[in-house]
């Protein structure tokens, strides 16, 4: 037996080396390398009792040496028996972490003979220190993982509360979760009307186009758990009988976590890894579940904040509309009535001051136009922000706003009569087409600084039938007037004072 004292420095060096790194995989590699060097073994391995707990497979130093070839058997007339290959002598020492067997440290192929009792004693001392180092590395790795997931959840919350749209918010959750989980994809599923679940958002390393839109059909074994808000953990998506989607063959281990807050299921966050990827550990499952709960809460808060902001806009617009109506429209209307009364008295008394009479007439016309434009502004304030208008007035105003972006100024818009009640859909559609063409023509004329749009549903057709008349005037230079009526009368006129386009149609 060798004297243990000369090997004591090597043991101390090996004990110190296993604690030099806090990362778990590196710590395990140090343990295996130190054991092989300490015993002069050509082969060393660490086989873990529960590889799934830490997401690691066995750690080895090198390939196991082949046993020596058996001698050639002597020639015989009898059928030879297959030779039995001798097994390499092994030294196996368990490693304990917190009273649990973490795994077995296996050594084989000692260079100068079989393993000795001294070798076993040295490896057992190393295994004791290795257990402590593994426990510390586990704690460090868990703390790092928890820190990353907490930072990720905070980043998602900040992003969602910054005013992102619904689609952007879901992509933020999917993208951040995919990176944290080191998954192949981050997928958001939401319930469908027929009782299934559909992938509405996907973040992948490749093109996610063929993943978005995939549906888990009603009746799928996994669907009941997902719609019930339960997490589902899958060892291999490709072979699990509960999975029925057409993309399941691409993925291996997966987590499907409910996005649920306040008893409301917003959807499911799925984090599949590539087929053959390492399984999720218990710590990863716990942290991902907590992340999903935090993300769901942030989604609900972001939705509520968005609703509050929209409500504040509506309330502010309603206040402005009331102020315009109460303080401006009524005063303009009263002033117009006074001017009309003055104009009638002037005409009734036989006054010959034609200039005064004409001036009063122009003032009345200007006031009426102002009242119409203020009313149009009030209506525009009542339109939902960022939503497509659904009323005819709103559609006309949208066309005018679009033309204003090209013209560099906002066209004046005026409505006469109950346009919402009297205009049927086919006529309204043709009128909007004519308006669009007239505004396009106006934007092409040089020098235009004023465009006036008038929609009049009180103007009868020449044959006396009730009709609608669209008039678009601009003060630009020479151009081609345009009129369209779909068989109805219409015409365009130009002159030095500008261009007027009219369009008429029966109601």
Protein backbone atom coordinates (compact mmCIF):
# COMPACT_ATOMS: atom_id res chain seq x y z
CA UNK A 1 0.00 0.00 0.00
CA UNK A 2 1.32 3.44 -0.90
CA UNK A 3 2.16 5.96 1.74
CA UNK A 4 -0.79 8.44 1.78
CA UNK A 5 1.33 11.40 2.86
CA UNK A 6 2.97 12.05 -0.56
CA UNK A 7 -0.50 12.10 -2.12
CA UNK A 8 -1.92 14.54 0.42
CA UNK A 9 -0.99 17.67 -1.62
CA UNK A 10 -2.75 16.18 -4.63
CA UNK A 11 -5.85 15.55 -2.51
CA UNK A 12 -5.82 19.09 -1.13
CA UNK A 13 -5.41 20.48 -4.63
CA UNK A 14 -8.30 18.32 -5.88
CA UNK A 15 -10.53 19.38 -2.94
CA UNK A 16 -9.82 23.03 -3.63
CA UNK A 17 -10.41 22.69 -7.38
CA UNK A 18 -13.98 21.39 -7.05
CA UNK A 19 -15.04 24.58 -5.29
CA UNK A 20 -13.48 27.09 -7.65
CA UNK A 21 -16.55 27.48 -9.86
CA UNK A 22 -20.12 28.29 -8.88
CA UNK A 23 -21.66 27.12 -12.17
CA UNK A 24 -23.04 23.59 -11.70
CA UNK A 25 -21.85 21.99 -14.93
CA UNK A 26 -18.34 23.37 -14.46
CA UNK A 27 -18.32 22.15 -10.83
CA UNK A 28 -19.26 18.62 -11.90
CA UNK A 29 -16.54 18.61 -14.54
CA UNK A 30 -13.97 19.71 -11.95
CA UNK A 31 -15.05 16.80 -9.71
CA UNK A 32 -14.68 14.21 -12.46
CA UNK A 33 -11.33 15.59 -13.66
CA UNK A 34 -9.95 15.78 -10.11
CA UNK A 35 -10.98 12.18 -9.33
CA UNK A 36 -9.33 10.87 -12.49
CA UNK A 37 -6.13 12.77 -11.80
CA UNK A 38 -6.04 11.76 -8.13
CA UNK A 39 -6.35 8.03 -8.85
CA UNK A 40 -4.56 8.01 -12.23
CA UNK A 41 -7.70 6.54 -13.83
CA UNK A 42 -8.06 6.68 -17.59
CA UNK A 43 -11.83 6.85 -17.32
CA UNK A 44 -14.02 8.81 -14.92
CA UNK A 45 -17.73 9.55 -15.01
CA UNK A 46 -20.42 11.01 -12.83
CA UNK A 47 -23.79 9.33 -13.33
CA UNK A 48 -26.58 11.36 -11.74
CA UNK A 49 -29.47 9.68 -9.95
CA UNK A 50 -31.98 12.27 -11.23
CA UNK A 51 -30.59 14.06 -14.30
CA UNK A 52 -33.89 15.86 -14.90
CA UNK A 53 -33.63 17.78 -11.65
CA UNK A 54 -30.67 19.82 -12.84
CA UNK A 55 -31.16 19.42 -16.57
CA UNK A 56 -27.78 17.72 -17.01
CA UNK A 57 -26.64 14.39 -18.38
CA UNK A 58 -23.69 12.33 -17.18
CA UNK A 59 -20.29 14.03 -16.96
CA UNK A 60 -17.24 12.18 -18.27
CA UNK A 61 -13.51 12.75 -18.79
CA UNK A 62 -12.85 10.47 -21.75
CA UNK A 63 -14.09 7.37 -23.52
CA UNK A 64 -13.84 4.20 -21.53
CA UNK A 65 -10.83 2.11 -22.57
CA UNK A 66 -11.60 -1.16 -24.23
CA UNK A 67 -10.78 -4.33 -22.27
CA UNK A 68 -7.84 -6.40 -23.55
CA UNK A 69 -8.50 -8.82 -26.39
CA UNK A 70 -8.88 -12.44 -25.20
CA UNK A 71 -6.27 -14.97 -26.38
CA UNK A 72 -6.96 -16.99 -29.52
CA UNK A 73 -8.61 -20.32 -28.55
CA UNK A 74 -6.78 -23.55 -29.56
CA UNK A 75 -8.00 -25.35 -32.63
CA UNK A 76 -10.60 -27.94 -31.83
CA UNK A 77 -13.07 -30.09 -33.63
CA UNK A 78 -15.77 -28.95 -31.25
CA UNK A 79 -17.77 -25.79 -31.87
CA UNK A 80 -16.07 -22.93 -30.05
CA UNK A 81 -17.93 -21.16 -27.27
CA UNK A 82 -18.11 -17.37 -27.43
CA UNK A 83 -15.36 -15.92 -25.27
CA UNK A 84 -16.30 -13.98 -22.15
CA UNK A 85 -14.76 -10.52 -22.14
CA UNK A 86 -13.25 -9.51 -18.82
CA UNK A 87 -14.73 -6.48 -17.12
CA UNK A 88 -12.50 -3.55 -16.23
CA UNK A 89 -12.20 -3.12 -12.47
CA UNK A 90 -14.15 -0.07 -11.31
CA UNK A 91 -14.13 2.12 -8.28
CA UNK A 92 -17.60 3.45 -7.52
CA UNK A 93 -18.13 6.08 -4.81
CA UNK A 94 -21.52 7.75 -4.18
CA UNK A 95 -21.83 11.53 -3.80
CA UNK A 96 -24.36 12.79 -1.25
CA UNK A 97 -25.95 16.25 -1.37
CA UNK A 98 -28.17 17.19 1.58
CA UNK A 99 -28.69 13.56 2.65
CA UNK A 100 -29.65 12.57 -0.91
CA UNK A 101 -27.60 10.48 -3.31
CA UNK A 102 -26.73 12.90 -6.11
CA UNK A 103 -25.00 10.25 -8.20
CA UNK A 104 -22.13 7.80 -8.47
CA UNK A 105 -18.56 8.74 -9.25
CA UNK A 106 -17.17 5.90 -11.39
CA UNK A 107 -13.47 5.35 -12.09
CA UNK A 108 -11.91 2.68 -14.30
CA UNK A 109 -8.68 1.86 -16.14
CA UNK A 110 -6.08 2.64 -13.46
CA UNK A 111 -2.73 2.90 -15.21
CA UNK A 112 -0.51 1.00 -12.73
CA UNK A 113 -2.85 -1.76 -11.57
CA UNK A 114 -6.08 -2.21 -9.64
CA UNK A 115 -7.57 0.46 -7.41
CA UNK A 116 -6.39 0.33 -3.80
CA UNK A 117 -8.06 1.05 -0.48
CA UNK A 118 -6.06 4.25 -0.42
CA UNK A 119 -7.59 5.27 -3.74
CA UNK A 120 -11.05 4.65 -2.35
CA UNK A 121 -10.34 6.68 0.80
CA UNK A 122 -9.02 9.62 -1.24
CA UNK A 123 -12.02 9.55 -3.58
CA UNK A 124 -14.43 9.40 -0.62
CA UNK A 125 -12.83 12.51 0.86
CA UNK A 126 -13.16 14.16 -2.55
CA UNK A 127 -16.79 13.03 -2.82
CA UNK A 128 -17.61 14.63 0.55
CA UNK A 129 -16.22 17.95 -0.59
CA UNK A 130 -17.92 17.48 -3.96
CA UNK A 131 -21.31 17.15 -2.24
CA UNK A 132 -20.79 20.52 -0.54
CA UNK A 133 -19.65 22.15 -3.79
CA UNK A 134 -22.63 20.74 -5.70
CA UNK A 135 -25.04 22.05 -3.05
CA UNK A 136 -23.51 25.52 -3.27
CA UNK A 137 -23.59 25.44 -7.09
CA UNK A 138 -27.25 24.42 -7.00
CA UNK A 139 -28.12 27.32 -4.71
CA UNK A 140 -26.20 29.74 -6.91
CA UNK A 141 -27.80 28.43 -10.10
CA UNK A 142 -31.29 28.63 -8.58
CA UNK A 143 -30.66 32.18 -7.42
CA UNK A 144 -29.39 33.19 -10.87
CA UNK A 145 -32.39 31.61 -12.57
CA UNK A 146 -34.81 33.27 -10.19
CA UNK A 147 -33.10 36.62 -10.74
CA UNK A 148 -33.35 36.29 -14.53
CA UNK A 149 -37.04 35.36 -14.42
CA UNK A 150 -37.85 38.20 -11.99
CA UNK A 151 -36.03 40.69 -14.21
CA UNK A 152 -37.88 39.30 -17.20
CA UNK A 153 -41.26 39.64 -15.51
CA UNK A 154 -40.43 43.22 -14.51
CA UNK A 155 -39.39 44.06 -18.07
CA UNK A 156 -42.63 42.61 -19.43
CA UNK A 157 -44.70 44.58 -16.92
CA UNK A 158 -42.91 47.82 -17.82
CA UNK A 159 -43.37 47.18 -21.55
CA UNK A 160 -47.06 46.32 -21.23
CA UNK A 161 -47.85 49.37 -19.10
CA UNK A 162 -46.11 51.68 -21.58
CA UNK A 163 -49.12 51.62 -23.90
CA UNK A 164 -48.41 48.77 -26.33
CA UNK A 165 -51.19 47.42 -28.53
CA UNK A 166 -52.71 44.02 -27.70
CA UNK A 167 -50.76 42.24 -30.46
CA UNK A 168 -47.46 43.86 -29.37
CA UNK A 169 -48.17 43.03 -25.72
CA UNK A 170 -48.69 39.33 -26.46
CA UNK A 171 -45.52 39.23 -28.59
CA UNK A 172 -43.57 40.84 -25.74
CA UNK A 173 -44.69 38.08 -23.36
CA UNK A 174 -43.93 35.29 -25.86
CA UNK A 175 -40.52 36.64 -26.84
CA UNK A 176 -39.30 37.28 -23.30
CA UNK A 177 -40.52 33.89 -22.03
CA UNK A 178 -38.84 32.06 -24.92
CA UNK A 179 -35.49 33.61 -24.12
CA UNK A 180 -35.74 33.01 -20.38
CA UNK A 181 -36.74 29.37 -20.81
CA UNK A 182 -34.14 28.77 -23.54
CA UNK A 183 -37.02 27.35 -25.58
CA UNK A 184 -37.31 26.83 -29.31
CA UNK A 185 -40.53 28.85 -29.42
CA UNK A 186 -42.71 31.08 -27.29
CA UNK A 187 -46.37 30.66 -28.22
CA UNK A 188 -49.60 32.33 -27.06
CA UNK A 189 -52.85 30.41 -27.50
CA UNK A 190 -56.32 31.89 -26.97
CA UNK A 191 -59.74 30.20 -26.80
CA UNK A 192 -61.79 30.04 -30.01
CA UNK A 193 -65.55 30.43 -30.35
CA UNK A 194 -66.07 26.72 -31.04
CA UNK A 195 -64.32 25.62 -27.85
CA UNK A 196 -60.78 25.04 -29.15
CA UNK A 197 -57.59 27.05 -28.76
CA UNK A 198 -55.68 28.86 -31.50
CA UNK A 199 -52.07 30.08 -31.69
CA UNK A 200 -52.38 33.85 -32.10
CA UNK A 201 -48.75 34.86 -31.42
CA UNK A 202 -45.47 33.01 -31.86
CA UNK A 203 -41.85 33.96 -31.24
CA UNK A 204 -39.36 31.52 -32.79
CA UNK A 205 -35.78 31.46 -33.97
CA UNK A 206 -37.12 30.70 -37.45
CA UNK A 207 -40.09 32.02 -39.42
CA UNK A 208 -43.20 31.59 -37.20
CA UNK A 209 -45.61 32.03 -40.10
CA UNK A 210 -46.68 28.38 -40.27
CA UNK A 211 -47.23 28.22 -36.51
CA UNK A 212 -49.58 31.17 -36.07
CA UNK A 213 -53.12 30.02 -36.79
CA UNK A 214 -52.59 26.40 -35.71
CA UNK A 215 -55.66 25.24 -33.76
CA UNK A 216 -56.07 22.68 -31.00
CA UNK A 217 -59.43 21.27 -32.01
CA UNK A 218 -62.25 20.68 -29.50
CA UNK A 219 -62.01 17.20 -28.02
CA UNK A 220 -58.21 17.19 -27.75
CA UNK A 221 -57.16 15.44 -24.50
CA UNK A 222 -54.99 18.38 -23.43
CA UNK A 223 -57.67 20.99 -24.11
CA UNK A 224 -59.71 20.37 -20.97
CA UNK A 225 -56.68 21.11 -18.80
CA UNK A 226 -55.75 24.25 -20.76
CA UNK A 227 -59.27 25.72 -20.73
CA UNK A 228 -59.48 24.87 -17.04
CA UNK A 229 -56.42 27.03 -16.38
CA UNK A 230 -54.14 24.13 -15.40
CA UNK A 231 -50.44 24.00 -16.32
CA UNK A 232 -49.42 21.10 -18.55
CA UNK A 233 -45.87 19.72 -18.62
CA UNK A 234 -44.90 17.45 -21.51
CA UNK A 235 -41.77 15.32 -21.80
CA UNK A 236 -41.94 14.93 -25.59
CA UNK A 237 -44.47 16.87 -27.64
CA UNK A 238 -43.85 14.75 -30.72
CA UNK A 239 -44.90 11.49 -29.07
CA UNK A 240 -47.32 12.60 -26.35
CA UNK A 241 -50.78 11.25 -27.28
CA UNK A 242 -52.46 14.35 -25.83
CA UNK A 243 -50.92 16.56 -28.51
CA UNK A 244 -52.75 16.62 -31.85
CA UNK A 245 -51.50 19.73 -33.75
CA UNK A 246 -49.75 19.44 -37.11
CA UNK A 247 -46.55 21.06 -35.75
CA UNK A 248 -46.10 18.77 -32.75
CA UNK A 249 -43.42 16.65 -34.47
CA UNK A 250 -40.94 19.57 -34.29
CA UNK A 251 -40.80 19.82 -30.52
CA UNK A 252 -39.72 17.87 -27.49
CA UNK A 253 -40.07 18.95 -23.84
CA UNK A 254 -42.69 21.65 -23.37
CA UNK A 255 -44.54 23.71 -20.77
CA UNK A 256 -48.08 25.01 -21.35
CA UNK A 257 -48.87 27.60 -18.69
CA UNK A 258 -52.16 29.44 -18.09
CA UNK A 259 -52.27 33.22 -18.50
CA UNK A 260 -54.86 33.73 -15.81
CA UNK A 261 -55.63 36.65 -13.50
CA UNK A 262 -58.59 37.27 -11.24
CA UNK A 263 -60.28 34.07 -12.35
CA UNK A 264 -60.16 35.19 -15.99
CA UNK A 265 -58.32 33.02 -18.51
CA UNK A 266 -56.59 35.21 -21.09
CA UNK A 267 -54.88 32.34 -22.88
CA UNK A 268 -52.01 29.88 -22.59
CA UNK A 269 -48.25 30.42 -22.82
CA UNK A 270 -46.49 27.42 -24.42
CA UNK A 271 -42.70 27.04 -24.31
CA UNK A 272 -41.60 24.01 -26.36
CA UNK A 273 -37.97 23.04 -26.81
CA UNK A 274 -36.56 21.31 -29.87
CA UNK A 275 -36.96 17.60 -30.13
CA UNK A 276 -34.23 15.90 -28.13
CA UNK A 277 -33.69 19.00 -26.00
CA UNK A 278 -33.06 18.74 -22.29
CA UNK A 279 -36.14 18.42 -20.08
CA UNK A 280 -37.34 21.29 -17.93
CA UNK A 281 -36.26 21.10 -14.32
CA UNK A 282 -38.60 21.50 -11.37
CA UNK A 283 -37.12 24.95 -10.68
CA UNK A 284 -37.66 26.05 -14.29
CA UNK A 285 -41.26 24.88 -14.20
CA UNK A 286 -41.93 26.79 -11.01
CA UNK A 287 -40.29 30.00 -12.22
CA UNK A 288 -42.05 29.85 -15.61
CA UNK A 289 -45.43 29.33 -13.92
CA UNK A 290 -44.82 32.37 -11.71
CA UNK A 291 -43.75 34.38 -14.77
CA UNK A 292 -46.97 33.46 -16.58
CA UNK A 293 -49.07 34.58 -13.61
CA UNK A 294 -47.20 37.90 -13.44
CA UNK A 295 -47.51 38.42 -17.20
CA UNK A 296 -51.27 37.73 -17.08
CA UNK A 297 -51.69 40.27 -14.30
CA UNK A 298 -49.69 42.83 -16.31
CA UNK A 299 -51.87 42.15 -19.38
CA UNK A 300 -55.02 42.78 -17.36
CA UNK A 301 -53.60 45.98 -15.86
CA UNK A 302 -52.45 47.19 -19.28
CA UNK A 303 -55.90 46.52 -20.69
CA UNK A 304 -57.51 48.42 -17.81
CA UNK A 305 -55.08 51.31 -18.25
CA UNK A 306 -55.84 51.45 -21.97
CA UNK A 307 -59.55 51.50 -21.21
CA UNK A 308 -59.08 54.31 -18.69
CA UNK A 309 -57.07 56.34 -21.18
CA UNK A 310 -59.73 55.87 -23.86
CA UNK A 311 -62.43 56.84 -21.38
CA UNK A 312 -60.48 59.97 -20.46
CA UNK A 313 -60.23 60.88 -24.15
CA UNK A 314 -63.97 60.36 -24.60
CA UNK A 315 -64.77 62.44 -21.53
CA UNK A 316 -62.46 65.24 -22.65
CA UNK A 317 -63.91 65.24 -26.13
CA UNK A 318 -67.42 65.25 -24.75
CA UNK A 319 -66.55 68.25 -22.58
CA UNK A 320 -65.08 70.11 -25.56
CA UNK A 321 -68.12 69.28 -27.66
CA UNK A 322 -70.49 70.58 -24.94
CA UNK A 323 -68.44 73.76 -24.56
CA UNK A 324 -68.47 74.34 -28.31
CA UNK A 325 -72.20 73.79 -28.47
CA UNK A 326 -73.12 75.82 -25.40
CA UNK A 327 -70.68 78.72 -25.77
CA UNK A 328 -70.05 79.00 -29.51
CA UNK A 329 -72.85 77.52 -31.58
CA UNK A 330 -75.65 79.18 -29.65
CA UNK A 331 -73.97 82.60 -29.81
CA UNK A 332 -73.27 82.22 -33.53
CA UNK A 333 -76.83 81.09 -34.12
CA UNK A 334 -78.24 84.05 -32.14
CA UNK A 335 -75.99 86.47 -34.04
CA UNK A 336 -77.14 84.99 -37.32
CA UNK A 337 -80.77 85.41 -36.33
CA UNK A 338 -80.14 89.04 -35.43
CA UNK A 339 -78.47 89.70 -38.78
CA UNK A 340 -81.28 87.99 -40.68
CA UNK A 341 -83.83 90.11 -38.80
CA UNK A 342 -81.85 93.26 -39.62
CA UNK A 343 -81.64 92.22 -43.25
CA UNK A 344 -85.43 91.69 -43.44
CA UNK A 345 -86.18 95.04 -41.76
CA UNK A 346 -83.75 96.77 -44.12
CA UNK A 347 -85.47 95.21 -47.13
CA UNK A 348 -88.99 95.92 -45.70
CA UNK A 349 -88.35 99.61 -45.06
CA UNK A 350 -87.19 100.16 -48.60
CA UNK A 351 -83.65 101.10 -47.70
CA UNK A 352 -81.61 101.65 -50.84
CA UNK A 353 -78.21 100.97 -49.33
CA UNK A 354 -77.49 97.91 -51.44
CA UNK A 355 -73.95 97.62 -50.10
CA UNK A 356 -75.19 97.29 -46.50
CA UNK A 357 -77.80 94.77 -47.57
CA UNK A 358 -75.24 92.70 -49.48
CA UNK A 359 -72.79 92.90 -46.59
CA UNK A 360 -75.42 91.64 -44.18
CA UNK A 361 -76.17 88.78 -46.58
CA UNK A 362 -72.52 87.75 -46.71
CA UNK A 363 -72.27 87.96 -42.91
CA UNK A 364 -75.29 85.70 -42.55
CA UNK A 365 -73.79 83.20 -45.02
CA UNK A 366 -70.46 83.22 -43.21
CA UNK A 367 -72.15 82.66 -39.84
CA UNK A 368 -74.17 79.77 -41.21
CA UNK A 369 -71.04 78.22 -42.66
CA UNK A 370 -69.25 78.67 -39.34
CA UNK A 371 -72.10 77.01 -37.46
CA UNK A 372 -71.96 74.04 -39.86
CA UNK A 373 -68.20 73.69 -39.47
CA UNK A 374 -68.36 73.87 -35.68
CA UNK A 375 -71.06 71.21 -35.70
CA UNK A 376 -68.82 69.08 -37.91
CA UNK A 377 -65.96 69.56 -35.43
CA UNK A 378 -68.24 68.48 -32.59
CA UNK A 379 -69.16 65.35 -34.49
CA UNK A 380 -65.50 64.60 -35.18
CA UNK A 381 -64.73 64.87 -31.48
CA UNK A 382 -67.35 62.24 -30.78
CA UNK A 383 -65.65 59.67 -33.07
CA UNK A 384 -63.72 56.92 -31.24
CA UNK A 385 -59.96 57.53 -31.54
CA UNK A 386 -58.03 55.15 -33.78
CA UNK A 387 -61.25 53.41 -34.83
CA UNK A 388 -62.62 53.36 -38.36
CA UNK A 389 -65.73 55.56 -38.58
CA UNK A 390 -68.98 53.66 -39.01
CA UNK A 391 -71.29 56.59 -39.74
CA UNK A 392 -71.57 58.39 -43.07
CA UNK A 393 -70.48 61.69 -41.53
CA UNK A 394 -67.44 60.01 -40.06
CA UNK A 395 -66.48 58.49 -43.40
CA UNK A 396 -66.74 61.87 -45.14
CA UNK A 397 -64.58 63.44 -42.45
CA UNK A 398 -62.03 60.67 -42.84
CA UNK A 399 -61.81 61.32 -46.59
CA UNK A 400 -61.39 65.03 -45.89
CA UNK A 401 -58.66 64.36 -43.34
CA UNK A 402 -56.82 62.12 -45.80
CA UNK A 403 -56.98 64.82 -48.46
CA UNK A 404 -55.77 67.38 -45.92
CA UNK A 405 -52.56 65.40 -45.45
CA UNK A 406 -51.86 65.82 -49.19
CA UNK A 407 -53.13 69.37 -49.58
CA UNK A 408 -51.34 70.72 -46.53
CA UNK A 409 -54.54 72.18 -45.05
CA UNK A 410 -57.85 70.81 -43.83
CA UNK A 411 -60.83 71.02 -46.22
CA UNK A 412 -63.99 72.65 -44.91
CA UNK A 413 -66.89 70.18 -44.57
CA UNK A 414 -70.57 71.02 -44.38
CA UNK A 415 -73.67 68.81 -44.09
CA UNK A 416 -77.20 69.99 -44.91
CA UNK A 417 -80.13 67.88 -43.81
CA UNK A 418 -80.42 64.57 -41.99
CA UNK A 419 -77.68 62.78 -43.94
CA UNK A 420 -77.54 59.75 -41.62
CA UNK A 421 -81.27 59.07 -41.89
CA UNK A 422 -81.85 59.79 -45.57
CA UNK A 423 -78.80 58.28 -47.27
CA UNK A 424 -79.03 54.57 -48.08
CA UNK A 425 -75.85 52.47 -48.22
CA UNK A 426 -75.52 52.12 -52.03
CA UNK A 427 -75.94 55.87 -52.58
CA UNK A 428 -73.55 56.67 -49.71
CA UNK A 429 -70.91 54.39 -51.22
CA UNK A 430 -71.14 56.03 -54.65
CA UNK A 431 -71.02 59.49 -53.07
CA UNK A 432 -67.84 58.62 -51.17
CA UNK A 433 -66.26 57.39 -54.40
CA UNK A 434 -67.16 60.64 -56.14
CA UNK A 435 -65.82 62.63 -53.19
CA UNK A 436 -62.54 60.71 -53.24
CA UNK A 437 -62.05 61.43 -56.96
CA UNK A 438 -62.94 65.09 -56.59
CA UNK A 439 -60.48 65.55 -53.72
CA UNK A 440 -57.76 63.78 -55.70
CA UNK A 441 -58.37 66.15 -58.62
CA UNK A 442 -58.30 69.17 -56.30
CA UNK A 443 -54.99 68.08 -54.80
CA UNK A 444 -53.45 68.04 -58.29
CA UNK A 445 -54.40 71.62 -59.08
CA UNK A 446 -51.70 74.18 -58.43
CA UNK A 447 -52.25 76.99 -55.97
CA UNK A 448 -55.20 75.49 -54.09
CA UNK A 449 -55.47 77.03 -50.62
CA UNK A 450 -59.14 76.34 -49.87
CA UNK A 451 -61.37 73.31 -50.44
CA UNK A 452 -65.03 73.25 -49.46
CA UNK A 453 -67.10 70.05 -49.29
CA UNK A 454 -70.91 70.24 -49.07
CA UNK A 455 -73.27 67.29 -48.78
CA UNK A 456 -76.92 68.37 -49.19
CA UNK A 457 -79.75 65.85 -48.85
CA UNK A 458 -82.43 68.56 -49.21
CA UNK A 459 -81.56 69.40 -52.85
CA UNK A 460 -84.20 67.99 -55.27
CA UNK A 461 -83.25 66.64 -58.67
CA UNK A 462 -84.29 68.62 -61.80
CA UNK A 463 -87.28 66.29 -62.23
CA UNK A 464 -88.47 67.06 -58.71
CA UNK A 465 -87.44 63.77 -57.09
CA UNK A 466 -85.67 63.96 -53.72
CA UNK A 467 -81.93 63.66 -54.13
CA UNK A 468 -78.51 64.25 -52.65
CA UNK A 469 -75.97 66.71 -54.01
CA UNK A 470 -72.23 66.66 -53.38
CA UNK A 471 -70.33 69.86 -54.11
CA UNK A 472 -66.55 70.13 -53.92
CA UNK A 473 -65.05 73.56 -54.52
CA UNK A 474 -61.37 74.50 -54.62
CA UNK A 475 -59.65 77.77 -55.46
CA UNK A 476 -56.78 76.16 -57.34
CA UNK A 477 -55.62 76.87 -60.87
CA UNK A 478 -56.87 75.39 -64.12
CA UNK A 479 -57.76 71.71 -64.11
CA UNK A 480 -60.32 69.26 -65.27
CA UNK A 481 -63.60 69.29 -63.39
CA UNK A 482 -65.06 65.91 -62.59
CA UNK A 483 -68.58 64.72 -61.98
CA UNK A 484 -70.10 61.32 -61.61
CA UNK A 485 -73.63 60.36 -60.85
CA UNK A 486 -74.07 56.81 -61.94
CA UNK A 487 -76.69 57.89 -64.43
CA UNK A 488 -77.73 60.89 -62.39
CA UNK A 489 -76.98 64.43 -63.38
CA UNK A 490 -73.67 65.97 -62.48
CA UNK A 491 -71.17 68.39 -63.82
CA UNK A 492 -67.97 70.28 -63.22
CA UNK A 493 -67.25 73.93 -63.67
CA UNK A 494 -64.04 75.93 -63.60
CA UNK A 495 -63.23 79.54 -63.72
CA UNK A 496 -60.83 82.15 -62.58
CA UNK A 497 -62.24 81.87 -59.06
CA UNK A 498 -61.62 78.15 -58.81
CA UNK A 499 -63.22 74.82 -59.69
CA UNK A 500 -66.55 73.44 -58.53
CA UNK A 501 -67.43 69.76 -58.90
CA UNK A 502 -71.00 68.57 -58.34
CA UNK A 503 -72.50 65.12 -58.12
CA UNK A 504 -76.17 64.24 -57.78
CA UNK A 505 -78.12 61.07 -57.21
CA UNK A 506 -81.68 60.09 -56.24
CA UNK A 507 -82.10 59.15 -52.59
